[in-house]
Every structure is written in C-alpha cells, then in structure tokens.
Amino acid sequence: MQFLSSFWVQFLESLVKNKEKHSLLYSLLNQLKPLELSEDKIVLGCQNQVLRLYLEKKLYEIESALSSHIGKKFKAEFTIIQSKKKPKAAPLFNFQPTLGDLFYKTGLHAKYSFDNFAVSSTNQVAYAAAQAVTNGLGHTYNPLVLYGGVGVGKTHLAQAIGRNTLERDQNKKIFFCPSDQFTNELIESIREKSTPGFRRKYRRLSLLIVDDAQFIAGKEKVQEEFFHTFNSLISAGGQVILTTDRPPSEIKNLEDRLRSRFLGGLTVDIQPPDFELRSAILLIKAREKNIEIDIEAAKIIAENISDSRALEGTLLTLYSKILGKKERIDLESVDQFFSKRQEAVIKKLVPQDVLKIICSFYNIRQSHLKGNSRTSNLVLPRQIAMFILRNQLKMKLEEIAYFLNRKDHTTVMHATEKVSRLLIKDPLIKREVDQIIQSLSLSA
C-alpha cells in the first residue's frame, strides 16, 4: 500500500512539472484515491458518478500520461468510493475533525513538515525565513516568495508553514492551492455566476499559499482578481506565501501592480540541492519508508541522481529489487543497479529517443532542432543533443553530424566540448542535462 501511495504521488508530481500541458488533468487526478496497482493497471477511487463519467472521457489522455511516466503501456480504471451514510440519530458527542481532515480540507499534505525538511547551505536562508513567518504570521515577510527550479523544496517549505500554523491553531483559515486551481475556480465561479462565494473563500483566509504563481501571468482577469484578493488579505492581517520558478522581477507578462506587490515582502532563492543535501534527503526518505540503506550506498545514489524528486523513485526501485533477497540496500546493490541501467540505456536507446526527450524537455520541434536556425532557444538544446549522443550512445562524430543535418563532424566536436565546459561552470545546465539523462534511463 505504501508503494502504491508513493507511485501515485510521483505520478502527480510528474504532472506538476508540466502544468501548462496538464493543469486540468492534475486538478482532476489530485482528487482521486489510488486503490490497487498491478503491472499494467491502476484502480482509482472517485467520490461520485459525475466525476467518474468525466474522467472516462479523459481516459486516453490519462492513460497516455501514465504510460509516458512509467515507460510502457498502462491502463487506468475508475470506481466510486462509497461514502458512509450519516446516521439519522443525533450523535452523542460533537464531531471533532482530525488534523488529517483539516489537512485535506486546506489542501495541505501531511508528508510535508519542518521535521523532514533537510537543510543545507542551498536552502538555509529560505528555511529561516519560513520559520520566521510561522512565528509572526501576517507581520513578518509578507508576502514571502520562494523561488527556484523543480524539486528544490519550495512546495515542501511552503506546506510546512501551513502545517505548523494549523498544528498551533486549528481555527486558522488556511488554504494551499496551485495557481491553476485558483484560475479554474475563478472561471467556474464566473460561469456559474457565483463570484461572491469565490471571493469569500479566498479573501477571509489567515494564510493563503499559492504554488507556481508564475502561471497567473498573462491572464488578465485572473491577475485582476488575484490583485484584489492579495490586497484584501494583507490589509486584514492575513499572510500570503507564493512559490515561483523565478524571481517576480523576471516573470514575463506579470502586471506591474502585481509585480510590485510580490516584491513588497521577502523574496528568497532556493538553489538546487548539493551532494550533501541530496544524501540527507535520501536518508530521510528511507527512514520515512522504513527502508534500511547503508550511508555509502546513499552517497553513490546522491552522486548519480541530481533531481531530489528522482531520489525517492530510485530508492523505491532499488528496494523493490532487493526485496526478499537482502535486508538492506548496500553498496553492491547500488553499483549493480547503476551499471545495469547504463548498459540498458546504451543498448536500448536509439538516436531518435534522445531527440524526442530533448525536444519535449525544451518544448521545441524536432524539425527545428535539425534545421539551420541559430536562435538562442535552439542552439543549446542542439549542442546538448550532440553531447548526449556522443557520451551516452557512443556514436561517432560523423554519425551525429549526419543525424542532425550538420555540415561536418567539427561542429559536433565543438558542441560536445562546449557542453562539457558548461557542466563544470553552470549548475543549472548540469541539472538540466542530468534530468534529460535520467529521463532517457527511465524510457529505456
């Protein structure tokens, strides 16, 4: 059951990475409960027949997303979870909601807390700011903006603030929502002519946490509504916390008045986790799941996996391989896993696979990557493609040049040397290349 829950959380997180494409899908699937998991199918529980019928209309899109995440054809099945009927007789005692009930109602996840947030030099400023906000809600750093790349801990830290606040005072009105949920609820309220109810929900909160707030940029009506929501909350002493993938000053198509509001508090950068932090995250995840792992084995995993979210997936994969054979994940298990994975990548992958994943990662067309355009958004992905084809698939320089429609092998040589230098100098480029290689490993 624990593996089923972890699988479902990882899949939802994969949708979060591509919210522009899967925003509605994520909002729908986030309401479901995973019930059963087999080799080629997952059974998901939903609350009512209306939602089930709507999901079945989206079945092809859902199964495509699942298949893409797993790397093979995968099916989904929906069933209605029978809710318990309310007793007709009056209860002897007043019902008191548990913290779990409150977490669900407020959009928080119980797994996120300050206790299981690993701290290092890459995130210690953000951690200190989060603690300060918790202790002075509405008065210290308002708004608090946490920004950084995928998997650096923005959502974890923002949710930990909400959890800590709720544990201190269960009467606090708290709500955590992805920006696309705010957008969808606003659209629905306009369609149903129920905007007063929408405004009451959001403007009377003690704490509002908006995840991936950069996605409201460019949406005129949404920005206007969020501007007034923001002002109402702040003026009433409420706290606003935002997570974004870049600082507010760099968010394109964001209204100046909103940009000014976002910059009126504290903006904190969270850097990608370094080796020490990745090792700590892995050990925390292992402890949470009661998985025994040697420290040296954890270090090898942390050296090979740069994405903190992929660490948990690798841990669970390794655990499934030793289950029934060994009591703990040791150095030998990890060495075998990575050597076999590398061999599998080289053996199974073809150049077209590399091209497909790179184009998907950078949201560009394959024809453009093979074309002659030298615009900035194409040059680097093209050079990374050459680097990976050379270093991962061991292709010859001439073969790569022919495959990518380049004039001669010297272009490929220059590209691989340039990317090699960038991997040393630029942590962001290194993280992107590592993520692409990991995607190749999963698809092999």
Protein backbone atom coordinates (compact mmCIF):
# COMPACT_ATOMS: atom_id res chain seq x y z
CA MET A 1 0.00 0.00 0.00
CA GLN A 2 2.93 2.28 0.79
CA PHE A 3 4.42 1.59 -2.66
CA LEU A 4 1.02 2.36 -4.28
CA SER A 5 0.84 5.72 -2.47
CA SER A 6 4.44 6.60 -3.42
CA PHE A 7 3.80 5.67 -7.06
CA TRP A 8 0.72 7.92 -7.19
CA VAL A 9 2.49 10.87 -5.54
CA GLN A 10 5.40 10.57 -8.00
CA PHE A 11 3.00 10.47 -10.96
CA LEU A 12 1.15 13.59 -9.77
CA GLU A 13 4.49 15.35 -9.27
CA SER A 14 5.43 14.48 -12.87
CA LEU A 15 2.27 16.32 -13.99
CA VAL A 16 3.22 19.32 -11.87
CA LYS A 17 6.47 19.63 -13.86
CA ASN A 18 4.41 20.24 -17.00
CA LYS A 19 1.45 22.21 -15.62
CA GLU A 20 0.96 24.22 -18.78
CA LYS A 21 0.07 20.97 -20.55
CA HIS A 22 -1.55 19.02 -17.72
CA SER A 23 -3.05 21.68 -15.43
CA LEU A 24 -6.66 20.45 -15.74
CA LEU A 25 -5.58 16.81 -15.64
CA TYR A 26 -3.62 17.41 -12.42
CA SER A 27 -6.59 19.17 -10.80
CA LEU A 28 -8.84 16.20 -11.62
CA LEU A 29 -6.45 13.40 -10.64
CA ASN A 30 -5.43 15.13 -7.42
CA GLN A 31 -8.99 14.44 -6.19
CA LEU A 32 -8.67 10.66 -6.63
CA LYS A 33 -7.51 7.96 -4.24
CA PRO A 34 -5.27 5.12 -5.55
CA LEU A 35 -6.78 1.76 -4.56
CA GLU A 36 -4.95 -1.00 -6.47
CA LEU A 37 -1.78 -1.26 -8.57
CA SER A 38 -0.69 -4.09 -10.87
CA GLU A 39 1.94 -4.40 -13.61
CA ASP A 40 -0.20 -2.73 -16.26
CA LYS A 41 -3.13 -1.07 -14.45
CA ILE A 42 -4.07 1.23 -11.58
CA VAL A 43 -7.53 1.42 -9.98
CA LEU A 44 -8.53 4.89 -8.79
CA GLY A 45 -11.38 5.81 -6.48
CA CYS A 46 -13.54 8.91 -7.04
CA GLN A 47 -16.33 10.44 -4.98
CA ASN A 48 -19.27 10.44 -7.40
CA GLN A 49 -20.65 9.21 -10.70
CA VAL A 50 -20.41 12.63 -12.39
CA LEU A 51 -16.65 12.82 -11.80
CA ARG A 52 -16.24 9.21 -12.93
CA LEU A 53 -18.05 9.84 -16.23
CA TYR A 54 -15.96 12.95 -16.86
CA LEU A 55 -12.73 11.05 -16.13
CA GLU A 56 -13.70 8.29 -18.55
CA LYS A 57 -13.98 10.93 -21.28
CA LYS A 58 -10.40 11.87 -20.44
CA LEU A 59 -9.27 8.20 -20.28
CA TYR A 60 -6.99 8.36 -23.33
CA GLU A 61 -5.17 11.45 -22.01
CA ILE A 62 -4.84 9.93 -18.52
CA GLU A 63 -3.52 6.59 -19.79
CA SER A 64 -1.11 8.38 -22.14
CA ALA A 65 0.30 10.40 -19.23
CA LEU A 66 0.62 7.25 -17.09
CA SER A 67 2.29 5.31 -19.92
CA SER A 68 4.72 8.16 -20.53
CA HIS A 69 5.57 8.31 -16.81
CA ILE A 70 6.18 4.55 -16.50
CA GLY A 71 7.73 3.95 -19.91
CA LYS A 72 5.27 1.27 -21.07
CA LYS A 73 1.58 0.89 -21.92
CA PHE A 74 -0.51 1.39 -18.79
CA LYS A 75 -4.26 1.37 -18.09
CA ALA A 76 -6.46 3.19 -15.60
CA GLU A 77 -9.79 2.14 -14.12
CA PHE A 78 -12.17 4.26 -12.05
CA THR A 79 -14.51 3.18 -9.30
CA ILE A 80 -16.77 5.11 -6.96
CA ILE A 81 -15.77 5.16 -3.29
CA GLN A 82 -18.88 4.55 -1.26
CA SER A 83 -19.24 7.27 1.35
CA LYS A 84 -20.61 6.29 4.73
CA LYS A 85 -24.22 7.32 5.27
CA LYS A 86 -24.78 9.84 8.01
CA PRO A 87 -26.67 8.38 10.99
CA LYS A 88 -30.19 9.62 11.38
CA ALA A 89 -29.96 9.82 15.15
CA ALA A 90 -28.17 12.78 16.70
CA PRO A 91 -24.62 11.91 17.77
CA LEU A 92 -23.83 11.65 21.45
CA PHE A 93 -20.71 13.76 21.02
CA ASN A 94 -19.86 16.67 18.76
CA PHE A 95 -17.65 15.64 15.84
CA GLN A 96 -14.12 17.00 16.09
CA PRO A 97 -12.17 16.88 12.81
CA THR A 98 -8.73 15.28 12.99
CA LEU A 99 -5.60 17.00 11.73
CA GLY A 100 -5.79 14.69 8.72
CA ASP A 101 -9.28 16.00 7.92
CA LEU A 102 -8.03 19.58 8.24
CA PHE A 103 -5.02 18.88 6.01
CA TYR A 104 -7.33 17.55 3.29
CA LYS A 105 -9.72 20.49 3.63
CA THR A 106 -6.93 23.07 3.45
CA GLY A 107 -5.08 21.45 0.54
CA LEU A 108 -2.09 20.51 2.70
CA HIS A 109 -0.26 17.18 2.62
CA ALA A 110 0.67 15.50 5.90
CA LYS A 111 4.03 14.36 4.49
CA TYR A 112 5.41 17.92 4.40
CA SER A 113 6.78 19.30 7.65
CA PHE A 114 9.76 21.20 9.05
CA ASP A 115 10.92 18.00 10.75
CA ASN A 116 11.58 16.15 7.47
CA PHE A 117 12.94 19.15 5.56
CA ALA A 118 16.69 18.69 5.08
CA VAL A 119 18.63 21.93 5.48
CA SER A 120 21.98 22.88 3.91
CA SER A 121 23.70 25.98 2.56
CA THR A 122 21.49 25.90 -0.57
CA ASN A 123 18.24 26.45 1.34
CA GLN A 124 19.08 27.62 4.87
CA VAL A 125 18.02 31.23 4.23
CA ALA A 126 14.63 30.09 2.93
CA TYR A 127 14.24 27.74 5.90
CA ALA A 128 15.00 30.55 8.37
CA ALA A 129 12.52 32.85 6.59
CA ALA A 130 9.82 30.15 6.73
CA GLN A 131 10.36 29.71 10.46
CA ALA A 132 10.14 33.49 10.98
CA VAL A 133 6.87 33.69 9.03
CA THR A 134 5.38 30.87 11.10
CA ASN A 135 6.25 32.71 14.30
CA GLY A 136 4.93 36.06 13.05
CA LEU A 137 2.13 35.19 10.67
CA GLY A 138 0.91 38.26 8.80
CA HIS A 139 3.57 40.51 10.29
CA THR A 140 6.94 39.10 9.17
CA TYR A 141 7.90 38.96 5.48
CA ASN A 142 4.50 39.48 3.89
CA PRO A 143 4.38 38.22 1.23
CA LEU A 144 7.06 35.54 1.36
CA VAL A 145 8.13 34.50 -2.15
CA LEU A 146 10.14 31.27 -2.50
CA TYR A 147 11.60 30.71 -5.95
CA GLY A 148 13.80 28.12 -7.61
CA GLY A 149 13.83 25.24 -10.07
CA VAL A 150 11.92 21.96 -9.98
CA GLY A 151 12.46 19.76 -6.93
CA VAL A 152 14.38 22.21 -4.75
CA GLY A 153 11.84 22.16 -1.90
CA LYS A 154 9.69 25.27 -2.48
CA THR A 155 6.39 23.42 -2.08
CA HIS A 156 7.67 21.40 0.86
CA LEU A 157 8.71 24.53 2.76
CA ALA A 158 5.51 26.44 1.94
CA GLN A 159 3.38 23.49 3.04
CA ALA A 160 5.42 23.10 6.22
CA ILE A 161 4.50 26.67 7.16
CA GLY A 162 0.83 25.83 6.66
CA ARG A 163 1.11 22.61 8.66
CA ASN A 164 2.93 24.26 11.56
CA THR A 165 0.36 27.08 11.65
CA LEU A 166 -2.53 24.60 11.64
CA GLU A 167 -0.99 22.49 14.39
CA ARG A 168 -0.67 25.59 16.58
CA ASP A 169 -4.21 26.82 15.95
CA GLN A 170 -6.78 24.62 14.22
CA ASN A 171 -9.14 27.58 13.89
CA LYS A 172 -6.82 29.38 11.48
CA LYS A 173 -8.27 29.64 7.99
CA ILE A 174 -5.54 28.24 5.73
CA PHE A 175 -5.62 27.26 2.09
CA PHE A 176 -2.94 25.88 -0.21
CA CYS A 177 -3.67 25.89 -3.92
CA PRO A 178 -1.72 25.57 -7.18
CA SER A 179 -2.20 28.69 -9.33
CA ASP A 180 -4.13 26.68 -11.92
CA GLN A 181 -6.67 25.72 -9.24
CA PHE A 182 -7.20 29.40 -8.42
CA THR A 183 -7.65 30.04 -12.16
CA ASN A 184 -10.08 27.14 -12.68
CA GLU A 185 -12.17 28.07 -9.64
CA LEU A 186 -12.39 31.67 -10.84
CA ILE A 187 -13.50 30.58 -14.32
CA GLU A 188 -16.09 28.24 -12.81
CA SER A 189 -17.41 30.96 -10.48
CA ILE A 190 -17.83 33.33 -13.44
CA ARG A 191 -19.61 30.64 -15.44
CA GLU A 192 -21.89 29.75 -12.51
CA LYS A 193 -22.33 33.43 -11.53
CA SER A 194 -21.00 32.68 -8.05
CA THR A 195 -18.04 35.06 -7.78
CA PRO A 196 -19.18 36.40 -4.35
CA GLY A 197 -18.71 32.91 -2.93
CA PHE A 198 -15.30 32.60 -4.59
CA ARG A 199 -14.22 35.90 -3.06
CA ARG A 200 -15.47 34.96 0.40
CA LYS A 201 -13.44 31.75 0.24
CA TYR A 202 -10.15 33.43 -0.63
CA ARG A 203 -10.37 36.87 0.97
CA ARG A 204 -11.18 35.73 4.50
CA LEU A 205 -8.15 33.49 4.94
CA SER A 206 -5.48 33.78 7.62
CA LEU A 207 -2.92 32.18 5.29
CA LEU A 208 -3.02 31.75 1.51
CA ILE A 209 -0.29 29.70 -0.18
CA VAL A 210 -0.21 29.81 -3.99
CA ASP A 211 2.06 27.28 -5.69
CA ASP A 212 3.64 28.12 -9.07
CA ALA A 213 2.27 31.65 -9.02
CA GLN A 214 4.10 32.48 -12.27
CA PHE A 215 1.29 30.77 -14.20
CA ILE A 216 -1.20 33.56 -13.46
CA ALA A 217 0.93 35.89 -15.61
CA GLY A 218 -0.65 36.82 -18.92
CA LYS A 219 -4.19 36.03 -17.71
CA GLU A 220 -5.83 39.44 -17.40
CA LYS A 221 -8.96 38.54 -15.42
CA VAL A 222 -7.07 36.16 -13.12
CA GLN A 223 -4.43 38.78 -12.35
CA GLU A 224 -7.08 41.36 -11.58
CA GLU A 225 -8.90 39.02 -9.19
CA PHE A 226 -5.66 37.92 -7.55
CA PHE A 227 -4.59 41.55 -7.10
CA HIS A 228 -7.77 42.34 -5.14
CA THR A 229 -7.53 39.06 -3.20
CA PHE A 230 -3.93 39.88 -2.29
CA ASN A 231 -4.82 43.39 -1.12
CA SER A 232 -7.82 42.18 0.92
CA LEU A 233 -5.76 39.53 2.70
CA ILE A 234 -2.80 41.78 3.51
CA SER A 235 -4.99 44.65 4.74
CA ALA A 236 -6.89 42.25 7.02
CA GLY A 237 -3.65 40.94 8.55
CA GLY A 238 -3.54 37.72 6.52
CA GLN A 239 -0.33 36.09 5.30
CA VAL A 240 0.46 35.37 1.63
CA ILE A 241 3.10 32.86 0.54
CA LEU A 242 3.99 32.37 -3.12
CA THR A 243 6.24 29.84 -4.85
CA THR A 244 7.57 30.57 -8.34
CA ASP A 245 10.21 29.20 -10.68
CA ARG A 246 11.93 32.61 -10.99
CA PRO A 247 12.06 35.93 -9.13
CA PRO A 248 8.98 38.18 -9.62
CA SER A 249 11.13 40.72 -11.50
CA GLU A 250 11.72 38.11 -14.23
CA ILE A 251 8.16 36.79 -14.65
CA LYS A 252 7.02 37.80 -18.13
CA ASN A 253 3.55 39.27 -18.71
CA LEU A 254 3.03 39.88 -14.99
CA GLU A 255 1.15 43.14 -14.34
CA ASP A 256 3.35 45.83 -12.80
CA ARG A 257 0.98 46.34 -9.87
CA LEU A 258 1.19 42.62 -9.01
CA ARG A 259 4.95 42.55 -9.50
CA SER A 260 5.19 45.46 -7.07
CA ARG A 261 3.06 43.60 -4.50
CA PHE A 262 5.13 40.42 -4.87
CA LEU A 263 8.34 42.37 -4.30
CA GLY A 264 6.92 44.15 -1.25
CA GLY A 265 7.90 41.37 1.15
CA LEU A 266 10.84 38.93 1.14
CA THR A 267 11.96 37.06 -1.98
CA VAL A 268 14.25 34.07 -1.33
CA ASP A 269 16.13 31.94 -3.83
CA ILE A 270 16.39 28.17 -3.19
CA GLN A 271 19.30 26.61 -5.07
CA PRO A 272 19.35 23.02 -6.39
CA PRO A 273 20.39 20.57 -3.64
CA ASP A 274 24.10 19.92 -3.35
CA PHE A 275 25.59 16.46 -2.81
CA GLU A 276 25.34 16.64 0.99
CA LEU A 277 21.72 17.76 0.89
CA ARG A 278 20.76 15.05 -1.63
CA SER A 279 22.34 12.45 0.64
CA ALA A 280 20.38 13.79 3.62
CA ILE A 281 17.11 13.83 1.63
CA LEU A 282 17.66 10.21 0.60
CA LEU A 283 18.30 9.09 4.17
CA ILE A 284 15.19 10.94 5.38
CA LYS A 285 13.05 9.28 2.67
CA ALA A 286 14.48 5.87 3.59
CA ARG A 287 13.67 6.40 7.28
CA GLU A 288 10.10 7.51 6.46
CA LYS A 289 9.53 4.34 4.43
CA ASN A 290 11.34 2.01 6.86
CA ILE A 291 13.94 1.11 4.25
CA GLU A 292 17.39 0.15 5.54
CA ILE A 293 20.22 1.66 3.50
CA ASP A 294 23.98 1.96 4.04
CA ILE A 295 25.31 5.52 4.16
CA GLU A 296 27.92 4.75 1.47
CA ALA A 297 25.17 3.39 -0.77
CA ALA A 298 23.14 6.56 -0.21
CA LYS A 299 26.16 8.67 -1.21
CA ILE A 300 26.53 6.79 -4.52
CA ILE A 301 22.86 7.39 -5.32
CA ALA A 302 23.22 11.09 -4.44
CA GLU A 303 26.23 11.36 -6.76
CA ASN A 304 24.31 9.86 -9.69
CA ILE A 305 20.90 11.49 -9.16
CA SER A 306 20.76 15.29 -9.11
CA ASP A 307 16.97 15.73 -9.07
CA SER A 308 15.71 15.49 -5.47
CA ARG A 309 12.34 14.11 -6.64
CA ALA A 310 14.05 11.34 -8.60
CA LEU A 311 15.87 10.27 -5.43
CA GLU A 312 12.70 8.79 -3.96
CA GLY A 313 11.88 6.95 -7.19
CA THR A 314 15.39 5.47 -7.32
CA LEU A 315 15.17 4.45 -3.66
CA LEU A 316 11.86 2.61 -4.22
CA THR A 317 13.16 0.95 -7.39
CA LEU A 318 16.26 -0.32 -5.58
CA TYR A 319 14.16 -1.52 -2.66
CA SER A 320 11.86 -3.49 -4.98
CA LYS A 321 14.93 -5.22 -6.48
CA ILE A 322 16.40 -6.37 -3.13
CA LEU A 323 13.06 -7.25 -1.54
CA GLY A 324 13.22 -10.87 -0.35
CA LYS A 325 16.93 -11.10 -1.15
CA LYS A 326 18.60 -8.66 1.22
CA GLU A 327 17.62 -6.82 4.37
CA ARG A 328 19.15 -3.51 3.34
CA ILE A 329 20.33 -1.57 0.29
CA ASP A 330 24.10 -1.91 0.27
CA LEU A 331 26.93 -0.64 -1.93
CA GLU A 332 26.87 -3.75 -4.11
CA SER A 333 23.15 -3.33 -4.86
CA VAL A 334 23.63 0.29 -5.90
CA ASP A 335 26.68 -0.43 -8.08
CA GLN A 336 24.84 -3.20 -9.90
CA PHE A 337 21.77 -1.00 -10.38
CA PHE A 338 23.63 1.90 -11.99
CA SER A 339 25.91 -0.26 -14.14
CA LYS A 340 22.94 -2.25 -15.49
CA ARG A 341 20.93 0.90 -16.06
CA GLN A 342 23.74 2.49 -18.03
CA GLU A 343 24.16 -0.67 -20.14
CA ALA A 344 20.40 -0.76 -20.75
CA VAL A 345 20.35 2.86 -21.85
CA ILE A 346 23.12 2.36 -24.39
CA LYS A 347 21.68 -0.95 -25.61
CA LYS A 348 18.02 0.03 -25.96
CA LEU A 349 18.09 3.68 -26.93
CA VAL A 350 18.27 4.93 -30.47
CA PRO A 351 19.21 8.50 -31.54
CA GLN A 352 15.55 9.33 -32.16
CA ASP A 353 14.77 8.65 -28.47
CA VAL A 354 17.35 11.24 -27.43
CA LEU A 355 15.95 13.79 -29.84
CA LYS A 356 12.37 13.17 -28.69
CA ILE A 357 13.16 13.64 -24.98
CA ILE A 358 15.30 16.75 -25.54
CA CYS A 359 12.60 18.38 -27.68
CA SER A 360 9.97 17.54 -25.07
CA PHE A 361 12.15 18.90 -22.27
CA TYR A 362 12.78 22.24 -24.01
CA ASN A 363 9.37 22.38 -25.75
CA ILE A 364 10.78 22.66 -29.27
CA ARG A 365 10.14 20.82 -32.54
CA GLN A 366 12.47 18.13 -33.87
CA SER A 367 12.44 19.73 -37.32
CA HIS A 368 13.69 22.99 -35.78
CA LEU A 369 16.43 21.20 -33.85
CA LYS A 370 17.66 19.60 -37.07
CA GLY A 371 17.21 22.85 -39.00
CA ASN A 372 19.59 25.73 -39.64
CA SER A 373 18.13 28.28 -37.21
CA ARG A 374 20.63 29.59 -34.67
CA THR A 375 18.21 31.26 -32.26
CA SER A 376 19.21 31.03 -28.59
CA ASN A 377 16.39 28.66 -27.66
CA LEU A 378 17.63 26.10 -30.24
CA VAL A 379 21.43 26.31 -30.13
CA LEU A 380 21.94 24.96 -26.59
CA PRO A 381 19.42 22.07 -26.89
CA ARG A 382 21.07 21.11 -30.21
CA GLN A 383 24.51 21.10 -28.57
CA ILE A 384 23.22 19.07 -25.63
CA ALA A 385 21.76 16.56 -28.09
CA MET A 386 25.19 16.19 -29.69
CA PHE A 387 26.82 15.81 -26.27
CA ILE A 388 24.42 13.06 -25.15
CA LEU A 389 24.57 11.19 -28.45
CA ARG A 390 28.36 11.22 -28.18
CA ASN A 391 28.74 10.40 -24.48
CA GLN A 392 25.72 8.21 -23.75
CA LEU A 393 25.10 6.39 -27.03
CA LYS A 394 28.82 6.39 -28.02
CA MET A 395 28.03 7.48 -31.57
CA LYS A 396 30.80 8.60 -33.92
CA LEU A 397 31.18 12.31 -34.65
CA GLU A 398 30.34 11.79 -38.33
CA GLU A 399 27.19 9.81 -37.45
CA ILE A 400 25.94 12.57 -35.16
CA ALA A 401 26.62 15.24 -37.79
CA TYR A 402 24.66 13.26 -40.39
CA PHE A 403 21.78 12.55 -37.98
CA LEU A 404 21.36 16.21 -37.01
CA ASN A 405 21.95 17.60 -40.52
CA ARG A 406 25.19 19.36 -39.59
CA LYS A 407 27.87 20.16 -42.19
CA ASP A 408 30.70 18.11 -40.68
CA HIS A 409 31.99 16.44 -37.53
CA THR A 410 33.86 19.57 -36.31
CA THR A 411 30.53 21.15 -35.37
CA VAL A 412 29.76 18.14 -33.16
CA MET A 413 33.24 18.25 -31.63
CA HIS A 414 32.84 21.94 -30.77
CA ALA A 415 29.38 21.32 -29.24
CA THR A 416 30.49 18.42 -27.02
CA GLU A 417 33.48 20.39 -25.74
CA LYS A 418 31.32 23.44 -25.02
CA VAL A 419 28.69 21.44 -23.10
CA SER A 420 31.47 19.69 -21.13
CA ARG A 421 32.75 23.11 -20.00
CA LEU A 422 29.23 24.33 -19.17
CA LEU A 423 28.59 21.29 -16.96
CA ILE A 424 31.51 22.36 -14.79
CA LYS A 425 30.72 26.09 -14.70
CA ASP A 426 26.90 26.27 -14.79
CA PRO A 427 24.92 24.27 -12.15
CA LEU A 428 21.63 24.98 -13.95
CA ILE A 429 22.86 23.45 -17.23
CA LYS A 430 24.26 20.46 -15.34
CA ARG A 431 20.92 19.90 -13.65
CA GLU A 432 19.08 20.08 -16.98
CA VAL A 433 21.46 17.60 -18.65
CA ASP A 434 21.22 15.24 -15.65
CA GLN A 435 17.42 15.37 -15.80
CA ILE A 436 17.43 14.57 -19.52
CA ILE A 437 19.79 11.61 -18.98
CA GLN A 438 17.59 10.36 -16.15
CA SER A 439 14.55 10.59 -18.44
CA LEU A 440 16.44 8.55 -21.01
CA SER A 441 17.22 5.94 -18.36
CA LEU A 442 13.54 5.67 -17.41
CA SER A 443 12.40 5.38 -21.03
CA ALA A 444 15.00 2.75 -21.94
